[in-house]
């Protein structure tokens, strides 16, 4: 899982206990799901990204981490959160350290369950089974769980188009800066085909296109805020399918343009990007695994703006109720007696 797949693999294999990860459309939660790890994407503005930039991808991307335990992620977030001079905005300050939240009772939560992703993307049987097992666990813990539909505020195709315009415009600017700094020309010798196609697509994005894309961000944020006014959390699978084989993303991508490439990425992970657009926190929790293959299946929990505290409380409860720390892959660098 990418793009923080190397971080996820290193933590899962016991090379390091935790690792930095970034998330612009799921790039922290996706490898957490694929590698059986805990990964929480913070609220926009929770972790500063300066001083070189004020936002990454117009606020779509945030810094976070992947770890084997909820405690480690809470400890790290407590160390790196908080404003820096010049930040354009900040997330609301938590009432207590997150390391204290993980042992607090979350109380009975009202949790909506979204089985199938926006855009009509189906959830495969193994993942649907894992989702059902998770909902039964939540019910046994005293939470109110109900299946819901969540209005995105925009049509899925408009969501894709606006994201493609934001992504590729930023990508084009970054590539031009790298080319100028290194003296290396932009072309097939320096960029893989999907990136080069996205670069060319970004060159055609107008200022008006970009402003319209920011309007989409606002509509999605307002729509999700209405949902969270009536629910404490939203539960979805992190991914609609089990981890895919290496090479799946790039197979046959030679003829895709920037929009087509992003469509492929979002088809493979349609649950995650919405919360980047809204700027709200979301976490992938390795509650269970596929019974047939043993592959990890992450469950995504999302909460309202600034509510990492509620997510950490639930994550701590789930870790106690369904421990995952003893699950290790075949390739394991750590000491099994201590793992």
C-alpha atoms as a PDB file:
ATOM      1  CA  UNK A   1       0.000   0.000   0.000  1.00  0.00           C
ATOM      2  CA  UNK A   2       1.230   3.477  -0.792  1.00  0.00           C
ATOM      3  CA  UNK A   3       2.461   6.009  -0.734  1.00  0.00           C
ATOM      4  CA  UNK A   4       3.919   5.428   2.734  1.00  0.00           C
ATOM      5  CA  UNK A   5       4.257   1.737   1.889  1.00  0.00           C
ATOM      6  CA  UNK A   6       7.930   1.577   2.793  1.00  0.00           C
ATOM      7  CA  UNK A   7       7.162   2.980   6.231  1.00  0.00           C
ATOM      8  CA  UNK A   8       4.355   0.469   6.687  1.00  0.00           C
ATOM      9  CA  UNK A   9       6.461  -2.503   5.602  1.00  0.00           C
ATOM     10  CA  UNK A  10       9.353  -1.508   7.875  1.00  0.00           C
ATOM     11  CA  UNK A  11       7.099  -1.245  10.932  1.00  0.00           C
ATOM     12  CA  UNK A  12       5.200  -4.433  10.095  1.00  0.00           C
ATOM     13  CA  UNK A  13       8.462  -6.368   9.705  1.00  0.00           C
ATOM     14  CA  UNK A  14       9.735  -5.206  13.098  1.00  0.00           C
ATOM     15  CA  UNK A  15      12.572  -3.092  11.690  1.00  0.00           C
ATOM     16  CA  UNK A  16      11.353   0.010  13.557  1.00  0.00           C
ATOM     17  CA  UNK A  17       8.548   0.431  16.129  1.00  0.00           C
ATOM     18  CA  UNK A  18       6.895   3.317  14.289  1.00  0.00           C
ATOM     19  CA  UNK A  19       7.472   5.458  11.208  1.00  0.00           C
ATOM     20  CA  UNK A  20       6.541   8.826   9.767  1.00  0.00           C
ATOM     21  CA  UNK A  21       3.830   8.694   7.114  1.00  0.00           C
ATOM     22  CA  UNK A  22       1.978  11.267   5.060  1.00  0.00           C
ATOM     23  CA  UNK A  23      -1.623  11.160   3.889  1.00  0.00           C
ATOM     24  CA  UNK A  24      -3.124  13.119   0.978  1.00  0.00           C
ATOM     25  CA  UNK A  25      -5.793  10.588  -0.057  1.00  0.00           C
ATOM     26  CA  UNK A  26      -5.170   7.635   2.253  1.00  0.00           C
ATOM     27  CA  UNK A  27      -1.403   7.218   1.938  1.00  0.00           C
ATOM     28  CA  UNK A  28      -1.066   6.579   5.683  1.00  0.00           C
ATOM     29  CA  UNK A  29      -4.233   4.525   6.259  1.00  0.00           C
ATOM     30  CA  UNK A  30      -3.830   2.348   3.158  1.00  0.00           C
ATOM     31  CA  UNK A  31      -0.397   0.916   4.123  1.00  0.00           C
ATOM     32  CA  UNK A  32      -1.647   0.605   7.708  1.00  0.00           C
ATOM     33  CA  UNK A  33      -4.460  -1.583   6.404  1.00  0.00           C
ATOM     34  CA  UNK A  34      -2.249  -3.622   4.060  1.00  0.00           C
ATOM     35  CA  UNK A  35       0.393  -4.232   6.739  1.00  0.00           C
ATOM     36  CA  UNK A  36      -1.821  -4.863   9.765  1.00  0.00           C
ATOM     37  CA  UNK A  37      -0.844  -1.633  11.553  1.00  0.00           C
ATOM     38  CA  UNK A  38      -2.531   1.209  13.372  1.00  0.00           C
ATOM     39  CA  UNK A  39      -2.540   4.498  11.490  1.00  0.00           C
ATOM     40  CA  UNK A  40      -4.326   7.736  12.359  1.00  0.00           C
ATOM     41  CA  UNK A  41      -4.601  10.675   9.945  1.00  0.00           C
ATOM     42  CA  UNK A  42      -4.857  13.826  12.068  1.00  0.00           C
ATOM     43  CA  UNK A  43      -7.166  16.768  11.559  1.00  0.00           C
ATOM     44  CA  UNK A  44      -5.975  19.358   9.073  1.00  0.00           C
ATOM     45  CA  UNK A  45      -3.830  21.835  10.994  1.00  0.00           C
ATOM     46  CA  UNK A  46      -3.065  19.446  13.869  1.00  0.00           C
ATOM     47  CA  UNK A  47       0.556  18.838  12.808  1.00  0.00           C
ATOM     48  CA  UNK A  48       2.434  21.791  11.272  1.00  0.00           C
ATOM     49  CA  UNK A  49       3.870  21.332   7.785  1.00  0.00           C
ATOM     50  CA  UNK A  50       6.032  24.489   7.581  1.00  0.00           C
ATOM     51  CA  UNK A  51       8.100  26.467   7.335  1.00  0.00           C
ATOM     52  CA  UNK A  52       8.734  25.892   3.609  1.00  0.00           C
ATOM     53  CA  UNK A  53       5.003  25.624   2.843  1.00  0.00           C
ATOM     54  CA  UNK A  54       1.790  26.646   4.573  1.00  0.00           C
ATOM     55  CA  UNK A  55      -0.267  23.771   3.145  1.00  0.00           C
ATOM     56  CA  UNK A  56       0.497  20.578   1.243  1.00  0.00           C
ATOM     57  CA  UNK A  57      -1.781  20.003  -1.757  1.00  0.00           C
ATOM     58  CA  UNK A  58      -4.085  22.846  -0.638  1.00  0.00           C
ATOM     59  CA  UNK A  59      -4.643  21.161   2.710  1.00  0.00           C
ATOM     60  CA  UNK A  60      -5.306  17.651   1.398  1.00  0.00           C
ATOM     61  CA  UNK A  61      -2.098  16.225   2.889  1.00  0.00           C
ATOM     62  CA  UNK A  62      -1.130  15.895   6.540  1.00  0.00           C
ATOM     63  CA  UNK A  63       1.716  14.337   8.513  1.00  0.00           C
ATOM     64  CA  UNK A  64       1.151  11.329  10.765  1.00  0.00           C
ATOM     65  CA  UNK A  65       2.580   7.918  11.565  1.00  0.00           C
ATOM     66  CA  UNK A  66       2.051   4.174  11.427  1.00  0.00           C
ATOM     67  CA  UNK A  67       2.772   1.950  14.419  1.00  0.00           C
ATOM     68  CA  UNK A  68       2.098  -1.484  15.871  1.00  0.00           C
ATOM     69  CA  UNK A  69       0.304  -0.067  18.933  1.00  0.00           C
ATOM     70  CA  UNK A  70      -2.186   2.694  19.612  1.00  0.00           C
ATOM     71  CA  UNK A  71       0.033   3.958  22.446  1.00  0.00           C
ATOM     72  CA  UNK A  72       3.003   4.604  20.141  1.00  0.00           C
ATOM     73  CA  UNK A  73       0.916   6.666  17.725  1.00  0.00           C
ATOM     74  CA  UNK A  74      -0.550   8.672  20.598  1.00  0.00           C
ATOM     75  CA  UNK A  75       2.890   9.358  22.085  1.00  0.00           C
ATOM     76  CA  UNK A  76       4.275  10.560  18.764  1.00  0.00           C
ATOM     77  CA  UNK A  77       1.293  12.767  17.954  1.00  0.00           C
ATOM     78  CA  UNK A  78       1.572  14.402  21.374  1.00  0.00           C
ATOM     79  CA  UNK A  79       5.192  15.276  20.541  1.00  0.00           C
ATOM     80  CA  UNK A  80       4.629  16.770  17.093  1.00  0.00           C
ATOM     81  CA  UNK A  81       1.193  18.418  17.322  1.00  0.00           C
ATOM     82  CA  UNK A  82       0.669  22.103  17.909  1.00  0.00           C
ATOM     83  CA  UNK A  83       1.135  25.328  15.982  1.00  0.00           C
ATOM     84  CA  UNK A  84       4.313  26.871  14.669  1.00  0.00           C
ATOM     85  CA  UNK A  85       4.804  30.588  14.041  1.00  0.00           C
ATOM     86  CA  UNK A  86       3.228  31.594  10.748  1.00  0.00           C
ATOM     87  CA  UNK A  87       0.803  28.670  10.411  1.00  0.00           C
ATOM     88  CA  UNK A  88      -2.274  29.837   8.465  1.00  0.00           C
ATOM     89  CA  UNK A  89      -4.643  27.928  10.785  1.00  0.00           C
ATOM     90  CA  UNK A  90      -4.468  25.389  13.620  1.00  0.00           C
ATOM     91  CA  UNK A  91      -6.680  22.575  14.882  1.00  0.00           C
ATOM     92  CA  UNK A  92      -8.348  23.083  18.262  1.00  0.00           C
ATOM     93  CA  UNK A  93      -6.106  22.175  21.189  1.00  0.00           C
ATOM     94  CA  UNK A  94      -7.042  18.847  22.830  1.00  0.00           C
ATOM     95  CA  UNK A  95      -8.244  18.948  26.423  1.00  0.00           C
ATOM     96  CA  UNK A  96      -5.608  16.408  27.532  1.00  0.00           C
ATOM     97  CA  UNK A  97      -2.666  14.489  26.032  1.00  0.00           C
ATOM     98  CA  UNK A  98      -3.649  11.736  23.628  1.00  0.00           C
ATOM     99  CA  UNK A  99      -1.622   9.271  25.687  1.00  0.00           C
ATOM    100  CA  UNK A 100      -4.233   9.740  28.415  1.00  0.00           C
ATOM    101  CA  UNK A 101      -7.142   9.225  26.025  1.00  0.00           C
ATOM    102  CA  UNK A 102      -6.188   5.687  25.027  1.00  0.00           C
ATOM    103  CA  UNK A 103      -7.069   4.319  28.488  1.00  0.00           C
ATOM    104  CA  UNK A 104     -10.285   6.311  28.924  1.00  0.00           C
ATOM    105  CA  UNK A 105     -13.687   4.702  28.419  1.00  0.00           C
ATOM    106  CA  UNK A 106     -15.122   5.999  25.124  1.00  0.00           C
ATOM    107  CA  UNK A 107     -18.664   5.557  26.449  1.00  0.00           C
ATOM    108  CA  UNK A 108     -21.480   4.376  24.201  1.00  0.00           C
ATOM    109  CA  UNK A 109     -20.934   5.802  20.715  1.00  0.00           C
ATOM    110  CA  UNK A 110     -23.361   6.189  17.835  1.00  0.00           C
ATOM    111  CA  UNK A 111     -21.472   4.735  14.878  1.00  0.00           C
ATOM    112  CA  UNK A 112     -22.756   4.709  11.316  1.00  0.00           C
ATOM    113  CA  UNK A 113     -21.530   1.961   8.992  1.00  0.00           C
ATOM    114  CA  UNK A 114     -20.918   2.597   5.292  1.00  0.00           C
ATOM    115  CA  UNK A 115     -20.576  -0.770   3.587  1.00  0.00           C
ATOM    116  CA  UNK A 116     -20.060   0.352  -0.010  1.00  0.00           C
ATOM    117  CA  UNK A 117     -18.035   3.393  -0.977  1.00  0.00           C
ATOM    118  CA  UNK A 118     -19.135   6.520  -2.769  1.00  0.00           C
ATOM    119  CA  UNK A 119     -19.237   6.161  -6.545  1.00  0.00           C
ATOM    120  CA  UNK A 120     -20.799   2.695  -6.361  1.00  0.00           C
ATOM    121  CA  UNK A 121     -17.575   0.844  -5.652  1.00  0.00           C
ATOM    122  CA  UNK A 122     -18.404  -2.648  -4.341  1.00  0.00           C
ATOM    123  CA  UNK A 123     -16.880  -4.194  -1.240  1.00  0.00           C
ATOM    124  CA  UNK A 124     -15.581  -7.727  -1.729  1.00  0.00           C
ATOM    125  CA  UNK A 125     -16.889 -10.643   0.335  1.00  0.00           C
ATOM    126  CA  UNK A 126     -13.787 -11.085   2.564  1.00  0.00           C
ATOM    127  CA  UNK A 127     -13.794  -7.407   3.508  1.00  0.00           C
ATOM    128  CA  UNK A 128     -17.568  -7.352   4.026  1.00  0.00           C
ATOM    129  CA  UNK A 129     -17.182 -10.332   6.361  1.00  0.00           C
ATOM    130  CA  UNK A 130     -14.476  -8.509   8.324  1.00  0.00           C
ATOM    131  CA  UNK A 131     -16.731  -5.457   8.531  1.00  0.00           C
ATOM    132  CA  UNK A 132     -19.586  -7.590   9.908  1.00  0.00           C
ATOM    133  CA  UNK A 133     -17.301  -9.065  12.557  1.00  0.00           C
ATOM    134  CA  UNK A 134     -16.213  -5.559  13.526  1.00  0.00           C
ATOM    135  CA  UNK A 135     -19.784  -4.300  13.884  1.00  0.00           C
ATOM    136  CA  UNK A 136     -20.618  -7.282  16.127  1.00  0.00           C
ATOM    137  CA  UNK A 137     -17.592  -6.471  18.276  1.00  0.00           C
ATOM    138  CA  UNK A 138     -18.657  -2.833  18.556  1.00  0.00           C
ATOM    139  CA  UNK A 139     -22.177  -3.854  19.550  1.00  0.00           C
ATOM    140  CA  UNK A 140     -20.802  -6.188  22.226  1.00  0.00           C
ATOM    141  CA  UNK A 141     -18.830  -3.238  23.616  1.00  0.00           C
ATOM    142  CA  UNK A 142     -22.029  -1.231  24.043  1.00  0.00           C
ATOM    143  CA  UNK A 143     -21.959   0.977  20.978  1.00  0.00           C
ATOM    144  CA  UNK A 144     -24.989   1.766  18.830  1.00  0.00           C
ATOM    145  CA  UNK A 145     -24.184   0.670  15.281  1.00  0.00           C
ATOM    146  CA  UNK A 146     -26.405   1.288  12.272  1.00  0.00           C
ATOM    147  CA  UNK A 147     -25.948   1.107   8.519  1.00  0.00           C
ATOM    148  CA  UNK A 148     -26.064   4.549   6.920  1.00  0.00           C
ATOM    149  CA  UNK A 149     -25.716   6.400   3.665  1.00  0.00           C
ATOM    150  CA  UNK A 150     -23.613   9.550   3.744  1.00  0.00           C
ATOM    151  CA  UNK A 151     -24.210  12.407   1.320  1.00  0.00           C
ATOM    152  CA  UNK A 152     -20.907  13.517  -0.155  1.00  0.00           C
ATOM    153  CA  UNK A 153     -22.288  16.907  -1.155  1.00  0.00           C
ATOM    154  CA  UNK A 154     -21.082  16.471  -4.752  1.00  0.00           C
ATOM    155  CA  UNK A 155     -21.334  13.832  -7.465  1.00  0.00           C
ATOM    156  CA  UNK A 156     -18.502  11.298  -7.487  1.00  0.00           C
ATOM    157  CA  UNK A 157     -17.352  12.347 -10.973  1.00  0.00           C
ATOM    158  CA  UNK A 158     -17.132  15.972  -9.850  1.00  0.00           C
ATOM    159  CA  UNK A 159     -15.195  14.804  -6.784  1.00  0.00           C
ATOM    160  CA  UNK A 160     -12.721  12.947  -9.002  1.00  0.00           C
ATOM    161  CA  UNK A 161     -12.301  15.854 -11.411  1.00  0.00           C
ATOM    162  CA  UNK A 162     -11.704  18.422  -8.679  1.00  0.00           C
ATOM    163  CA  UNK A 163      -9.158  16.181  -6.939  1.00  0.00           C
ATOM    164  CA  UNK A 164      -7.367  15.511 -10.231  1.00  0.00           C
ATOM    165  CA  UNK A 165      -7.083  19.236 -10.892  1.00  0.00           C
ATOM    166  CA  UNK A 166      -5.738  19.979  -7.403  1.00  0.00           C
ATOM    167  CA  UNK A 167      -3.338  17.046  -7.390  1.00  0.00           C
ATOM    168  CA  UNK A 168      -1.869  17.568 -10.836  1.00  0.00           C
ATOM    169  CA  UNK A 169      -1.571  21.356 -10.551  1.00  0.00           C
ATOM    170  CA  UNK A 170       0.486  20.963  -7.387  1.00  0.00           C
ATOM    171  CA  UNK A 171       2.453  18.104  -8.929  1.00  0.00           C
ATOM    172  CA  UNK A 172       3.288  20.167 -12.009  1.00  0.00           C
ATOM    173  CA  UNK A 173       4.568  23.066  -9.911  1.00  0.00           C
ATOM    174  CA  UNK A 174       6.709  20.726  -7.772  1.00  0.00           C
ATOM    175  CA  UNK A 175       8.196  18.981 -10.817  1.00  0.00           C
ATOM    176  CA  UNK A 176       9.060  22.306 -12.438  1.00  0.00           C
ATOM    177  CA  UNK A 177      10.866  23.372  -9.254  1.00  0.00           C
ATOM    178  CA  UNK A 178      12.814  20.092  -9.137  1.00  0.00           C
ATOM    179  CA  UNK A 179      13.725  20.353 -12.805  1.00  0.00           C
ATOM    180  CA  UNK A 180      15.006  23.897 -12.329  1.00  0.00           C
ATOM    181  CA  UNK A 181      16.985  22.958  -9.209  1.00  0.00           C
ATOM    182  CA  UNK A 182      18.611  19.871 -10.736  1.00  0.00           C
ATOM    183  CA  UNK A 183      18.954  20.974 -14.345  1.00  0.00           C
ATOM    184  CA  UNK A 184      17.281  17.756 -15.492  1.00  0.00           C
ATOM    185  CA  UNK A 185      14.586  18.077 -18.154  1.00  0.00           C
ATOM    186  CA  UNK A 186      11.024  16.862 -17.634  1.00  0.00           C
ATOM    187  CA  UNK A 187      10.411  13.848 -19.856  1.00  0.00           C
ATOM    188  CA  UNK A 188      10.330  10.042 -20.116  1.00  0.00           C
ATOM    189  CA  UNK A 189      13.963   9.802 -19.009  1.00  0.00           C
ATOM    190  CA  UNK A 190      13.200  11.396 -15.639  1.00  0.00           C
ATOM    191  CA  UNK A 191       9.555  10.540 -14.885  1.00  0.00           C
ATOM    192  CA  UNK A 192       7.506   7.355 -15.020  1.00  0.00           C
ATOM    193  CA  UNK A 193       4.598   7.404 -17.459  1.00  0.00           C
ATOM    194  CA  UNK A 194       1.740   7.976 -14.946  1.00  0.00           C
ATOM    195  CA  UNK A 195       3.622  10.871 -13.328  1.00  0.00           C
ATOM    196  CA  UNK A 196       4.494  12.386 -16.682  1.00  0.00           C
ATOM    197  CA  UNK A 197       0.864  12.084 -17.784  1.00  0.00           C
ATOM    198  CA  UNK A 198      -0.245  13.791 -14.578  1.00  0.00           C
ATOM    199  CA  UNK A 199       2.337  16.542 -15.137  1.00  0.00           C
ATOM    200  CA  UNK A 200       0.948  17.234 -18.618  1.00  0.00           C
ATOM    201  CA  UNK A 201      -2.616  17.204 -17.298  1.00  0.00           C
ATOM    202  CA  UNK A 202      -1.648  19.699 -14.607  1.00  0.00           C
ATOM    203  CA  UNK A 203      -0.218  22.050 -17.215  1.00  0.00           C
ATOM    204  CA  UNK A 204      -3.736  22.433 -18.644  1.00  0.00           C
ATOM    205  CA  UNK A 205      -5.454  23.229 -15.310  1.00  0.00           C
ATOM    206  CA  UNK A 206      -6.568  26.874 -15.281  1.00  0.00           C
ATOM    207  CA  UNK A 207      -6.802  29.176 -12.291  1.00  0.00           C
ATOM    208  CA  UNK A 208     -10.589  29.047 -12.590  1.00  0.00           C
ATOM    209  CA  UNK A 209     -10.444  25.221 -12.572  1.00  0.00           C
ATOM    210  CA  UNK A 210      -8.415  25.336  -9.384  1.00  0.00           C
ATOM    211  CA  UNK A 211     -10.784  27.731  -7.615  1.00  0.00           C
ATOM    212  CA  UNK A 212     -13.725  25.520  -8.600  1.00  0.00           C
ATOM    213  CA  UNK A 213     -11.910  22.539  -7.096  1.00  0.00           C
ATOM    214  CA  UNK A 214     -11.573  24.406  -3.794  1.00  0.00           C
ATOM    215  CA  UNK A 215     -15.331  24.969  -3.902  1.00  0.00           C
ATOM    216  CA  UNK A 216     -15.785  21.194  -4.061  1.00  0.00           C
ATOM    217  CA  UNK A 217     -13.647  20.892  -0.925  1.00  0.00           C
ATOM    218  CA  UNK A 218     -15.990  23.248   0.902  1.00  0.00           C
ATOM    219  CA  UNK A 219     -19.156  21.373  -0.118  1.00  0.00           C
ATOM    220  CA  UNK A 220     -17.737  18.023   0.991  1.00  0.00           C
ATOM    221  CA  UNK A 221     -16.594  19.497   4.318  1.00  0.00           C
ATOM    222  CA  UNK A 222     -20.028  20.983   5.016  1.00  0.00           C
ATOM    223  CA  UNK A 223     -21.822  17.775   4.072  1.00  0.00           C
ATOM    224  CA  UNK A 224     -19.682  15.572   6.321  1.00  0.00           C
ATOM    225  CA  UNK A 225     -20.085  18.061   9.173  1.00  0.00           C
ATOM    226  CA  UNK A 226     -23.850  17.565   8.928  1.00  0.00           C
ATOM    227  CA  UNK A 227     -23.353  13.809   9.223  1.00  0.00           C
ATOM    228  CA  UNK A 228     -21.117  14.134  12.292  1.00  0.00           C
ATOM    229  CA  UNK A 229     -23.689  16.396  13.944  1.00  0.00           C
ATOM    230  CA  UNK A 230     -25.831  13.257  14.352  1.00  0.00           C
ATOM    231  CA  UNK A 231     -23.181  10.532  14.714  1.00  0.00           C
ATOM    232  CA  UNK A 232     -20.012  10.197  16.761  1.00  0.00           C
ATOM    233  CA  UNK A 233     -18.177   8.229  14.083  1.00  0.00           C
ATOM    234  CA  UNK A 234     -18.380   6.660  10.674  1.00  0.00           C
ATOM    235  CA  UNK A 235     -17.064   3.135  10.126  1.00  0.00           C
ATOM    236  CA  UNK A 236     -15.985   1.897   6.706  1.00  0.00           C
ATOM    237  CA  UNK A 237     -13.501  -0.668   5.462  1.00  0.00           C
ATOM    238  CA  UNK A 238     -10.208   1.107   4.869  1.00  0.00           C
ATOM    239  CA  UNK A 239     -10.019  -0.648   1.498  1.00  0.00           C
ATOM    240  CA  UNK A 240     -12.791  -2.415  -0.444  1.00  0.00           C
ATOM    241  CA  UNK A 241     -10.605  -5.444  -1.192  1.00  0.00           C
ATOM    242  CA  UNK A 242      -7.747  -7.414   0.320  1.00  0.00           C
ATOM    243  CA  UNK A 243      -4.223  -6.091  -0.361  1.00  0.00           C
ATOM    244  CA  UNK A 244      -3.557  -6.287  -4.097  1.00  0.00           C
ATOM    245  CA  UNK A 245      -0.436  -7.848  -5.669  1.00  0.00           C
ATOM    246  CA  UNK A 246       2.562  -5.659  -6.444  1.00  0.00           C
ATOM    247  CA  UNK A 247       2.253  -4.015  -9.849  1.00  0.00           C
ATOM    248  CA  UNK A 248      -1.546  -3.788  -9.827  1.00  0.00           C
ATOM    249  CA  UNK A 249      -1.632  -0.002  -9.755  1.00  0.00           C
ATOM    250  CA  UNK A 250       0.652   0.489 -12.768  1.00  0.00           C
ATOM    251  CA  UNK A 251      -0.607  -2.393 -14.929  1.00  0.00           C
ATOM    252  CA  UNK A 252      -1.855  -0.936 -18.225  1.00  0.00           C
ATOM    253  CA  UNK A 253      -1.421   2.646 -17.049  1.00  0.00           C
ATOM    254  CA  UNK A 254       0.565   3.706 -20.121  1.00  0.00           C
ATOM    255  CA  UNK A 255      -2.438   5.226 -21.900  1.00  0.00           C
ATOM    256  CA  UNK A 256      -3.957   7.044 -18.930  1.00  0.00           C
ATOM    257  CA  UNK A 257      -3.989  10.807 -18.539  1.00  0.00           C
ATOM    258  CA  UNK A 258      -3.838  12.563 -15.164  1.00  0.00           C
ATOM    259  CA  UNK A 259      -7.563  12.166 -14.520  1.00  0.00           C
ATOM    260  CA  UNK A 260      -7.480   8.527 -15.564  1.00  0.00           C
ATOM    261  CA  UNK A 261      -4.543   7.782 -13.274  1.00  0.00           C
ATOM    262  CA  UNK A 262      -6.247   9.365 -10.271  1.00  0.00           C
ATOM    263  CA  UNK A 263      -9.463   7.497 -11.120  1.00  0.00           C
ATOM    264  CA  UNK A 264      -7.523   4.233 -10.954  1.00  0.00           C
ATOM    265  CA  UNK A 265      -6.068   5.123  -7.564  1.00  0.00           C
ATOM    266  CA  UNK A 266      -9.459   6.132  -6.184  1.00  0.00           C
ATOM    267  CA  UNK A 267     -11.095   2.990  -7.594  1.00  0.00           C
ATOM    268  CA  UNK A 268      -8.646   0.944  -5.516  1.00  0.00           C
ATOM    269  CA  UNK A 269      -9.130   3.064  -2.377  1.00  0.00           C
ATOM    270  CA  UNK A 270     -12.489   4.890  -2.613  1.00  0.00           C
ATOM    271  CA  UNK A 271     -13.163   5.180   1.140  1.00  0.00           C
ATOM    272  CA  UNK A 272     -10.202   7.280   2.248  1.00  0.00           C
ATOM    273  CA  UNK A 273      -9.826  10.484   0.188  1.00  0.00           C
ATOM    274  CA  UNK A 274     -13.103  12.020   1.346  1.00  0.00           C
ATOM    275  CA  UNK A 275     -11.634  12.724   4.786  1.00  0.00           C
ATOM    276  CA  UNK A 276      -8.587  14.417   3.275  1.00  0.00           C
ATOM    277  CA  UNK A 277     -10.885  16.754   1.384  1.00  0.00           C
ATOM    278  CA  UNK A 278     -12.934  17.452   4.525  1.00  0.00           C
ATOM    279  CA  UNK A 279      -9.814  17.724   6.708  1.00  0.00           C
ATOM    280  CA  UNK A 280     -11.307  15.498   9.408  1.00  0.00           C
ATOM    281  CA  UNK A 281      -9.406  12.800  11.343  1.00  0.00           C
ATOM    282  CA  UNK A 282      -9.649   9.136  10.396  1.00  0.00           C
ATOM    283  CA  UNK A 283      -7.826   6.001  11.482  1.00  0.00           C
ATOM    284  CA  UNK A 284      -7.242   2.500  10.138  1.00  0.00           C
ATOM    285  CA  UNK A 285      -7.407  -0.121  12.880  1.00  0.00           C
ATOM    286  CA  UNK A 286      -6.208  -3.735  12.349  1.00  0.00           C
ATOM    287  CA  UNK A 287      -9.189  -5.188  14.193  1.00  0.00           C
ATOM    288  CA  UNK A 288      -9.246  -8.399  12.199  1.00  0.00           C
ATOM    289  CA  UNK A 289      -7.736 -10.389   9.347  1.00  0.00           C
ATOM    290  CA  UNK A 290      -9.104 -12.443   6.473  1.00  0.00           C
ATOM    291  CA  UNK A 291      -9.840 -15.934   7.746  1.00  0.00           C
ATOM    292  CA  UNK A 292      -8.868 -17.686   4.487  1.00  0.00           C
ATOM    293  CA  UNK A 293      -5.622 -15.919   3.560  1.00  0.00           C
ATOM    294  CA  UNK A 294      -4.528 -14.389   6.860  1.00  0.00           C
ATOM    295  CA  UNK A 295      -4.073 -11.031   5.133  1.00  0.00           C
ATOM    296  CA  UNK A 296      -4.773  -7.940   7.266  1.00  0.00           C
ATOM    297  CA  UNK A 297      -8.063  -6.092   6.850  1.00  0.00           C
ATOM    298  CA  UNK A 298      -8.065  -2.562   8.215  1.00  0.00           C
ATOM    299  CA  UNK A 299     -11.223  -0.905   9.473  1.00  0.00           C
ATOM    300  CA  UNK A 300     -11.488   2.865   9.048  1.00  0.00           C
ATOM    301  CA  UNK A 301     -13.117   5.021  11.697  1.00  0.00           C
ATOM    302  CA  UNK A 302     -13.672   8.714  10.979  1.00  0.00           C
ATOM    303  CA  UNK A 303     -14.771  11.428  13.398  1.00  0.00           C
ATOM    304  CA  UNK A 304     -15.652  15.103  13.261  1.00  0.00           C
ATOM    305  CA  UNK A 305     -13.194  17.973  13.044  1.00  0.00           C
ATOM    306  CA  UNK A 306     -10.663  17.929  15.882  1.00  0.00           C
ATOM    307  CA  UNK A 307     -11.942  14.685  17.445  1.00  0.00           C
ATOM    308  CA  UNK A 308      -8.759  12.626  17.543  1.00  0.00           C
ATOM    309  CA  UNK A 309      -9.481  12.245  21.256  1.00  0.00           C
ATOM    310  CA  UNK A 310     -12.595  10.178  20.544  1.00  0.00           C
ATOM    311  CA  UNK A 311     -10.751   8.093  17.962  1.00  0.00           C
ATOM    312  CA  UNK A 312      -7.919   7.307  20.381  1.00  0.00           C
ATOM    313  CA  UNK A 313     -10.372   6.292  23.106  1.00  0.00           C
ATOM    314  CA  UNK A 314     -12.148   3.866  20.778  1.00  0.00           C
ATOM    315  CA  UNK A 315      -8.846   2.573  19.365  1.00  0.00           C
ATOM    316  CA  UNK A 316      -7.606   1.814  22.877  1.00  0.00           C
ATOM    317  CA  UNK A 317     -10.803  -0.069  23.637  1.00  0.00           C
ATOM    318  CA  UNK A 318     -10.606  -2.086  20.410  1.00  0.00           C
ATOM    319  CA  UNK A 319      -6.954  -2.941  21.013  1.00  0.00           C
ATOM    320  CA  UNK A 320      -7.890  -4.386  24.401  1.00  0.00           C
ATOM    321  CA  UNK A 321     -10.904  -6.257  23.069  1.00  0.00           C
ATOM    322  CA  UNK A 322      -9.259  -7.634  19.916  1.00  0.00           C
ATOM    323  CA  UNK A 323      -5.451  -7.511  20.352  1.00  0.00           C
ATOM    324  CA  UNK A 324      -3.293  -7.538  17.247  1.00  0.00           C
ATOM    325  CA  UNK A 325       0.249  -7.083  18.586  1.00  0.00           C
ATOM    326  CA  UNK A 326       0.986 -10.818  18.405  1.00  0.00           C
ATOM    327  CA  UNK A 327       0.326 -10.932  14.653  1.00  0.00           C
ATOM    328  CA  UNK A 328       3.647 -10.825  12.832  1.00  0.00           C
ATOM    329  CA  UNK A 329       4.457 -11.491   9.179  1.00  0.00           C
ATOM    330  CA  UNK A 330       6.710 -14.292   7.953  1.00  0.00           C
ATOM    331  CA  UNK A 331       9.497 -11.753   7.412  1.00  0.00           C
ATOM    332  CA  UNK A 332      10.109 -10.448  10.933  1.00  0.00           C
ATOM    333  CA  UNK A 333      13.228  -8.582  12.056  1.00  0.00           C
ATOM    334  CA  UNK A 334      12.180  -8.189  15.679  1.00  0.00           C
ATOM    335  CA  UNK A 335      12.682 -10.526  18.606  1.00  0.00           C
ATOM    336  CA  UNK A 336       9.609 -12.750  18.685  1.00  0.00           C
ATOM    337  CA  UNK A 337       9.928 -13.152  22.455  1.00  0.00           C
ATOM    338  CA  UNK A 338       9.485  -9.386  22.785  1.00  0.00           C
ATOM    339  CA  UNK A 339       7.090  -8.854  19.869  1.00  0.00           C
END
